[in-house]
Amino acid sequence: MKWFITISSNDPETAYNAMRLANVALIKKQQEVGVFMLGKAVEFPEFSTEEFNVAGLTEEFMETGGDFFV
């Protein structure tokens, strides 16, 4: 199965949960996954927090072979 997740929110919890889903599908379920951030979501390095580490999940996603588009 192929997954493509679009994130357009700069709400840290929303983006964090979307990236968690992307990582689970990619790493644990070994699916083909792409993530596209648009609009306010492209600011993910700025709104990433210690509790909702969107930047860290995004880095993990790219390191494990996920397709990431901004």
PDB file of N, CA and C in Angstrom:
ATOM      1  N   MET A   1       0.842  -1.170   0.000  1.00  0.00           N
ATOM      2  CA  MET A   1       0.000   0.000   0.000  1.00  0.00           C
ATOM      3  C   MET A   1       0.891   1.238   0.000  1.00  0.00           C
ATOM      4  N   LYS A   2       0.466   2.272  -0.719  1.00  0.00           N
ATOM      5  CA  LYS A   2       1.192   3.534  -0.756  1.00  0.00           C
ATOM      6  C   LYS A   2       0.413   4.579   0.027  1.00  0.00           C
ATOM      7  N   TRP A   3       1.127   5.347   0.820  1.00  0.00           N
ATOM      8  CA  TRP A   3       0.535   6.413   1.628  1.00  0.00           C
ATOM      9  C   TRP A   3       1.078   7.748   1.159  1.00  0.00           C
ATOM     10  N   PHE A   4       0.218   8.761   1.167  1.00  0.00           N
ATOM     11  CA  PHE A   4       0.656  10.134   0.924  1.00  0.00           C
ATOM     12  C   PHE A   4      -0.085  11.019   1.907  1.00  0.00           C
ATOM     13  N   ILE A   5       0.646  11.646   2.798  1.00  0.00           N
ATOM     14  CA  ILE A   5       0.065  12.449   3.869  1.00  0.00           C
ATOM     15  C   ILE A   5       0.362  13.919   3.592  1.00  0.00           C
ATOM     16  N   THR A   6      -0.683  14.747   3.621  1.00  0.00           N
ATOM     17  CA  THR A   6      -0.535  16.183   3.426  1.00  0.00           C
ATOM     18  C   THR A   6      -0.782  16.874   4.756  1.00  0.00           C
ATOM     19  N   ILE A   7       0.145  17.722   5.156  1.00  0.00           N
ATOM     20  CA  ILE A   7       0.025  18.475   6.401  1.00  0.00           C
ATOM     21  C   ILE A   7       0.003  19.955   6.049  1.00  0.00           C
ATOM     22  N   SER A   8      -1.042  20.661   6.509  1.00  0.00           N
ATOM     23  CA  SER A   8      -1.132  22.097   6.204  1.00  0.00           C
ATOM     24  C   SER A   8      -1.335  22.937   7.463  1.00  0.00           C
ATOM     25  N   SER A   9      -1.226  22.329   8.619  1.00  0.00           N
ATOM     26  CA  SER A   9      -1.451  23.032   9.884  1.00  0.00           C
ATOM     27  C   SER A   9      -0.129  23.325  10.583  1.00  0.00           C
ATOM     28  N   ASN A  10      -0.069  24.470  11.262  1.00  0.00           N
ATOM     29  CA  ASN A  10       1.107  24.754  12.072  1.00  0.00           C
ATOM     30  C   ASN A  10       0.840  24.491  13.556  1.00  0.00           C
ATOM     31  N   ASP A  11      -0.217  23.744  13.834  1.00  0.00           N
ATOM     32  CA  ASP A  11      -0.476  23.307  15.201  1.00  0.00           C
ATOM     33  C   ASP A  11       0.506  22.179  15.516  1.00  0.00           C
ATOM     34  N   PRO A  12       1.367  22.354  16.509  1.00  0.00           N
ATOM     35  CA  PRO A  12       2.399  21.356  16.787  1.00  0.00           C
ATOM     36  C   PRO A  12       1.854  19.944  17.018  1.00  0.00           C
ATOM     37  N   GLU A  13       0.774  19.813  17.766  1.00  0.00           N
ATOM     38  CA  GLU A  13       0.238  18.484  18.054  1.00  0.00           C
ATOM     39  C   GLU A  13      -0.306  17.808  16.801  1.00  0.00           C
ATOM     40  N   THR A  14      -0.979  18.570  15.949  1.00  0.00           N
ATOM     41  CA  THR A  14      -1.538  18.011  14.712  1.00  0.00           C
ATOM     42  C   THR A  14      -0.433  17.516  13.786  1.00  0.00           C
ATOM     43  N   ALA A  15       0.585  18.354  13.564  1.00  0.00           N
ATOM     44  CA  ALA A  15       1.690  17.967  12.694  1.00  0.00           C
ATOM     45  C   ALA A  15       2.473  16.799  13.293  1.00  0.00           C
ATOM     46  N   TYR A  16       2.656  16.803  14.600  1.00  0.00           N
ATOM     47  CA  TYR A  16       3.369  15.728  15.290  1.00  0.00           C
ATOM     48  C   TYR A  16       2.654  14.391  15.092  1.00  0.00           C
ATOM     49  N   ASN A  17       1.346  14.385  15.271  1.00  0.00           N
ATOM     50  CA  ASN A  17       0.585  13.144  15.105  1.00  0.00           C
ATOM     51  C   ASN A  17       0.596  12.656  13.662  1.00  0.00           C
ATOM     52  N   ALA A  18       0.558  13.572  12.710  1.00  0.00           N
ATOM     53  CA  ALA A  18       0.640  13.175  11.303  1.00  0.00           C
ATOM     54  C   ALA A  18       2.005  12.554  11.000  1.00  0.00           C
ATOM     55  N   MET A  19       3.071  13.133  11.543  1.00  0.00           N
ATOM     56  CA  MET A  19       4.398  12.566  11.317  1.00  0.00           C
ATOM     57  C   MET A  19       4.579  11.244  12.062  1.00  0.00           C
ATOM     58  N   ARG A  20       3.952  11.095  13.216  1.00  0.00           N
ATOM     59  CA  ARG A  20       3.979   9.800  13.913  1.00  0.00           C
ATOM     60  C   ARG A  20       3.343   8.730  13.040  1.00  0.00           C
ATOM     61  N   LEU A  21       2.197   9.044  12.447  1.00  0.00           N
ATOM     62  CA  LEU A  21       1.513   8.113  11.555  1.00  0.00           C
ATOM     63  C   LEU A  21       2.412   7.765  10.374  1.00  0.00           C
ATOM     64  N   ALA A  22       3.044   8.765   9.780  1.00  0.00           N
ATOM     65  CA  ALA A  22       3.930   8.517   8.642  1.00  0.00           C
ATOM     66  C   ALA A  22       5.074   7.589   9.026  1.00  0.00           C
ATOM     67  N   ASN A  23       5.670   7.805  10.197  1.00  0.00           N
ATOM     68  CA  ASN A  23       6.777   6.961  10.642  1.00  0.00           C
ATOM     69  C   ASN A  23       6.337   5.537  10.937  1.00  0.00           C
ATOM     70  N   VAL A  24       5.183   5.370  11.532  1.00  0.00           N
ATOM     71  CA  VAL A  24       4.684   4.014  11.815  1.00  0.00           C
ATOM     72  C   VAL A  24       4.435   3.265  10.513  1.00  0.00           C
ATOM     73  N   ALA A  25       3.794   3.924   9.562  1.00  0.00           N
ATOM     74  CA  ALA A  25       3.518   3.277   8.278  1.00  0.00           C
ATOM     75  C   ALA A  25       4.811   2.920   7.554  1.00  0.00           C
ATOM     76  N   LEU A  26       5.788   3.823   7.595  1.00  0.00           N
ATOM     77  CA  LEU A  26       7.050   3.607   6.898  1.00  0.00           C
ATOM     78  C   LEU A  26       7.930   2.580   7.591  1.00  0.00           C
ATOM     79  N   ILE A  27       8.162   2.763   8.875  1.00  0.00           N
ATOM     80  CA  ILE A  27       9.146   1.957   9.593  1.00  0.00           C
ATOM     81  C   ILE A  27       8.573   0.623  10.070  1.00  0.00           C
ATOM     82  N   LYS A  28       7.448   0.673  10.758  1.00  0.00           N
ATOM     83  CA  LYS A  28       6.912  -0.556  11.354  1.00  0.00           C
ATOM     84  C   LYS A  28       6.102  -1.390  10.372  1.00  0.00           C
ATOM     85  N   LYS A  29       5.371  -0.742   9.486  1.00  0.00           N
ATOM     86  CA  LYS A  29       4.517  -1.475   8.534  1.00  0.00           C
ATOM     87  C   LYS A  29       5.154  -1.609   7.164  1.00  0.00           C
ATOM     88  N   GLN A  30       6.322  -0.979   6.974  1.00  0.00           N
ATOM     89  CA  GLN A  30       7.109  -1.049   5.746  1.00  0.00           C
ATOM     90  C   GLN A  30       6.275  -0.734   4.503  1.00  0.00           C
ATOM     91  N   GLN A  31       5.542   0.364   4.589  1.00  0.00           N
ATOM     92  CA  GLN A  31       4.751   0.851   3.466  1.00  0.00           C
ATOM     93  C   GLN A  31       5.528   1.963   2.758  1.00  0.00           C
ATOM     94  N   GLU A  32       5.159   2.260   1.523  1.00  0.00           N
ATOM     95  CA  GLU A  32       5.725   3.409   0.825  1.00  0.00           C
ATOM     96  C   GLU A  32       4.966   4.638   1.286  1.00  0.00           C
ATOM     97  N   VAL A  33       5.697   5.637   1.797  1.00  0.00           N
ATOM     98  CA  VAL A  33       5.045   6.806   2.386  1.00  0.00           C
ATOM     99  C   VAL A  33       5.695   8.086   1.868  1.00  0.00           C
ATOM    100  N   GLY A  34       4.843   9.035   1.525  1.00  0.00           N
ATOM    101  CA  GLY A  34       5.283  10.371   1.170  1.00  0.00           C
ATOM    102  C   GLY A  34       4.557  11.376   2.046  1.00  0.00           C
ATOM    103  N   VAL A  35       5.249  12.442   2.416  1.00  0.00           N
ATOM    104  CA  VAL A  35       4.646  13.514   3.217  1.00  0.00           C
ATOM    105  C   VAL A  35       4.875  14.825   2.474  1.00  0.00           C
ATOM    106  N   PHE A  36       3.817  15.609   2.366  1.00  0.00           N
ATOM    107  CA  PHE A  36       3.887  16.920   1.734  1.00  0.00           C
ATOM    108  C   PHE A  36       3.415  17.957   2.730  1.00  0.00           C
ATOM    109  N   MET A  37       4.283  18.914   3.052  1.00  0.00           N
ATOM    110  CA  MET A  37       3.905  20.009   3.942  1.00  0.00           C
ATOM    111  C   MET A  37       3.671  21.245   3.097  1.00  0.00           C
ATOM    112  N   LEU A  38       2.523  21.892   3.328  1.00  0.00           N
ATOM    113  CA  LEU A  38       2.213  23.098   2.591  1.00  0.00           C
ATOM    114  C   LEU A  38       1.613  24.132   3.514  1.00  0.00           C
ATOM    115  N   GLY A  39       1.506  25.351   3.033  1.00  0.00           N
ATOM    116  CA  GLY A  39       0.938  26.427   3.840  1.00  0.00           C
ATOM    117  C   GLY A  39       1.745  26.652   5.101  1.00  0.00           C
ATOM    118  N   LYS A  40       1.036  26.797   6.212  1.00  0.00           N
ATOM    119  CA  LYS A  40       1.684  27.083   7.492  1.00  0.00           C
ATOM    120  C   LYS A  40       2.549  25.933   8.004  1.00  0.00           C
ATOM    121  N   ALA A  41       2.340  24.730   7.495  1.00  0.00           N
ATOM    122  CA  ALA A  41       3.114  23.577   7.953  1.00  0.00           C
ATOM    123  C   ALA A  41       4.584  23.658   7.571  1.00  0.00           C
ATOM    124  N   VAL A  42       4.923  24.450   6.555  1.00  0.00           N
ATOM    125  CA  VAL A  42       6.330  24.541   6.155  1.00  0.00           C
ATOM    126  C   VAL A  42       7.186  25.187   7.232  1.00  0.00           C
ATOM    127  N   GLU A  43       6.561  25.789   8.221  1.00  0.00           N
ATOM    128  CA  GLU A  43       7.280  26.411   9.333  1.00  0.00           C
ATOM    129  C   GLU A  43       7.582  25.404  10.446  1.00  0.00           C
ATOM    130  N   PHE A  44       7.532  24.102  10.147  1.00  0.00           N
ATOM    131  CA  PHE A  44       7.666  23.081  11.188  1.00  0.00           C
ATOM    132  C   PHE A  44       8.921  23.210  12.045  1.00  0.00           C
ATOM    133  N   PRO A  45      10.064  23.669  11.529  1.00  0.00           N
ATOM    134  CA  PRO A  45      11.209  23.813  12.439  1.00  0.00           C
ATOM    135  C   PRO A  45      10.963  24.862  13.531  1.00  0.00           C
ATOM    136  N   GLU A  46      10.167  25.883  13.223  1.00  0.00           N
ATOM    137  CA  GLU A  46       9.909  26.945  14.191  1.00  0.00           C
ATOM    138  C   GLU A  46       8.848  26.562  15.224  1.00  0.00           C
ATOM    139  N   PHE A  47       7.825  25.802  14.830  1.00  0.00           N
ATOM    140  CA  PHE A  47       6.767  25.485  15.798  1.00  0.00           C
ATOM    141  C   PHE A  47       6.969  24.141  16.485  1.00  0.00           C
ATOM    142  N   SER A  48       8.022  23.431  16.127  1.00  0.00           N
ATOM    143  CA  SER A  48       8.356  22.181  16.799  1.00  0.00           C
ATOM    144  C   SER A  48       8.741  22.490  18.247  1.00  0.00           C
ATOM    145  N   THR A  49       8.228  21.706  19.191  1.00  0.00           N
ATOM    146  CA  THR A  49       8.519  21.912  20.606  1.00  0.00           C
ATOM    147  C   THR A  49       9.152  20.656  21.191  1.00  0.00           C
ATOM    148  N   GLU A  50       9.572  20.738  22.430  1.00  0.00           N
ATOM    149  CA  GLU A  50      10.131  19.560  23.089  1.00  0.00           C
ATOM    150  C   GLU A  50       9.062  18.466  23.221  1.00  0.00           C
ATOM    151  N   GLU A  51       7.837  18.873  23.548  1.00  0.00           N
ATOM    152  CA  GLU A  51       6.751  17.907  23.700  1.00  0.00           C
ATOM    153  C   GLU A  51       6.302  17.352  22.350  1.00  0.00           C
ATOM    154  N   PHE A  52       6.205  18.217  21.342  1.00  0.00           N
ATOM    155  CA  PHE A  52       5.773  17.813  20.000  1.00  0.00           C
ATOM    156  C   PHE A  52       6.912  18.092  19.028  1.00  0.00           C
ATOM    157  N   ASN A  53       7.874  17.180  19.005  1.00  0.00           N
ATOM    158  CA  ASN A  53       9.103  17.358  18.237  1.00  0.00           C
ATOM    159  C   ASN A  53       8.879  16.967  16.769  1.00  0.00           C
ATOM    160  N   VAL A  54       8.218  17.839  16.053  1.00  0.00           N
ATOM    161  CA  VAL A  54       7.918  17.597  14.639  1.00  0.00           C
ATOM    162  C   VAL A  54       9.206  17.513  13.825  1.00  0.00           C
ATOM    163  N   ALA A  55      10.149  18.391  14.111  1.00  0.00           N
ATOM    164  CA  ALA A  55      11.415  18.393  13.379  1.00  0.00           C
ATOM    165  C   ALA A  55      12.158  17.070  13.554  1.00  0.00           C
ATOM    166  N   GLY A  56      12.164  16.539  14.755  1.00  0.00           N
ATOM    167  CA  GLY A  56      12.842  15.264  15.018  1.00  0.00           C
ATOM    168  C   GLY A  56      12.182  14.108  14.287  1.00  0.00           C
ATOM    169  N   LEU A  57      10.860  14.072  14.292  1.00  0.00           N
ATOM    170  CA  LEU A  57      10.141  13.014  13.577  1.00  0.00           C
ATOM    171  C   LEU A  57      10.341  13.129  12.073  1.00  0.00           C
ATOM    172  N   THR A  58      10.399  14.360  11.592  1.00  0.00           N
ATOM    173  CA  THR A  58      10.614  14.580  10.161  1.00  0.00           C
ATOM    174  C   THR A  58      12.002  14.099   9.757  1.00  0.00           C
ATOM    175  N   GLU A  59      12.991  14.390  10.573  1.00  0.00           N
ATOM    176  CA  GLU A  59      14.355  13.928  10.306  1.00  0.00           C
ATOM    177  C   GLU A  59      14.425  12.405  10.293  1.00  0.00           C
ATOM    178  N   GLU A  60      13.784  11.776  11.273  1.00  0.00           N
ATOM    179  CA  GLU A  60      13.746  10.308  11.332  1.00  0.00           C
ATOM    180  C   GLU A  60      13.070   9.740  10.090  1.00  0.00           C
ATOM    181  N   PHE A  61      11.988  10.370   9.669  1.00  0.00           N
ATOM    182  CA  PHE A  61      11.249   9.931   8.489  1.00  0.00           C
ATOM    183  C   PHE A  61      12.135   9.964   7.244  1.00  0.00           C
ATOM    184  N   MET A  62      12.849  11.054   7.057  1.00  0.00           N
ATOM    185  CA  MET A  62      13.710  11.181   5.877  1.00  0.00           C
ATOM    186  C   MET A  62      14.889  10.227   5.940  1.00  0.00           C
ATOM    187  N   GLU A  63      15.447  10.019   7.125  1.00  0.00           N
ATOM    188  CA  GLU A  63      16.602   9.109   7.274  1.00  0.00           C
ATOM    189  C   GLU A  63      16.245   7.668   6.973  1.00  0.00           C
ATOM    190  N   THR A  64      14.983   7.296   7.172  1.00  0.00           N
ATOM    191  CA  THR A  64      14.584   5.914   6.953  1.00  0.00           C
ATOM    192  C   THR A  64      13.963   5.697   5.567  1.00  0.00           C
ATOM    193  N   GLY A  65      14.080   6.703   4.707  1.00  0.00           N
ATOM    194  CA  GLY A  65      13.684   6.501   3.317  1.00  0.00           C
ATOM    195  C   GLY A  65      12.342   7.047   2.894  1.00  0.00           C
ATOM    196  N   GLY A  66      11.703   7.833   3.744  1.00  0.00           N
ATOM    197  CA  GLY A  66      10.425   8.437   3.371  1.00  0.00           C
ATOM    198  C   GLY A  66      10.619   9.570   2.377  1.00  0.00           C
ATOM    199  N   ASP A  67       9.635   9.766   1.524  1.00  0.00           N
ATOM    200  CA  ASP A  67       9.667  10.876   0.571  1.00  0.00           C
ATOM    201  C   ASP A  67       9.051  12.098   1.238  1.00  0.00           C
ATOM    202  N   PHE A  68       9.806  13.180   1.310  1.00  0.00           N
ATOM    203  CA  PHE A  68       9.369  14.384   2.013  1.00  0.00           C
ATOM    204  C   PHE A  68       9.431  15.570   1.078  1.00  0.00           C
ATOM    205  N   PHE A  69       8.316  16.290   0.983  1.00  0.00           N
ATOM    206  CA  PHE A  69       8.207  17.441   0.089  1.00  0.00           C
ATOM    207  C   PHE A  69       7.715  18.639   0.853  1.00  0.00           C
ATOM    208  N   VAL A  70       8.308  19.794   0.570  1.00  0.00           N
ATOM    209  CA  VAL A  70       7.867  21.056   1.189  1.00  0.00           C
ATOM    210  C   VAL A  70       7.539  22.019   0.070  1.00  0.00           C
TER     211      VAL A  70
END
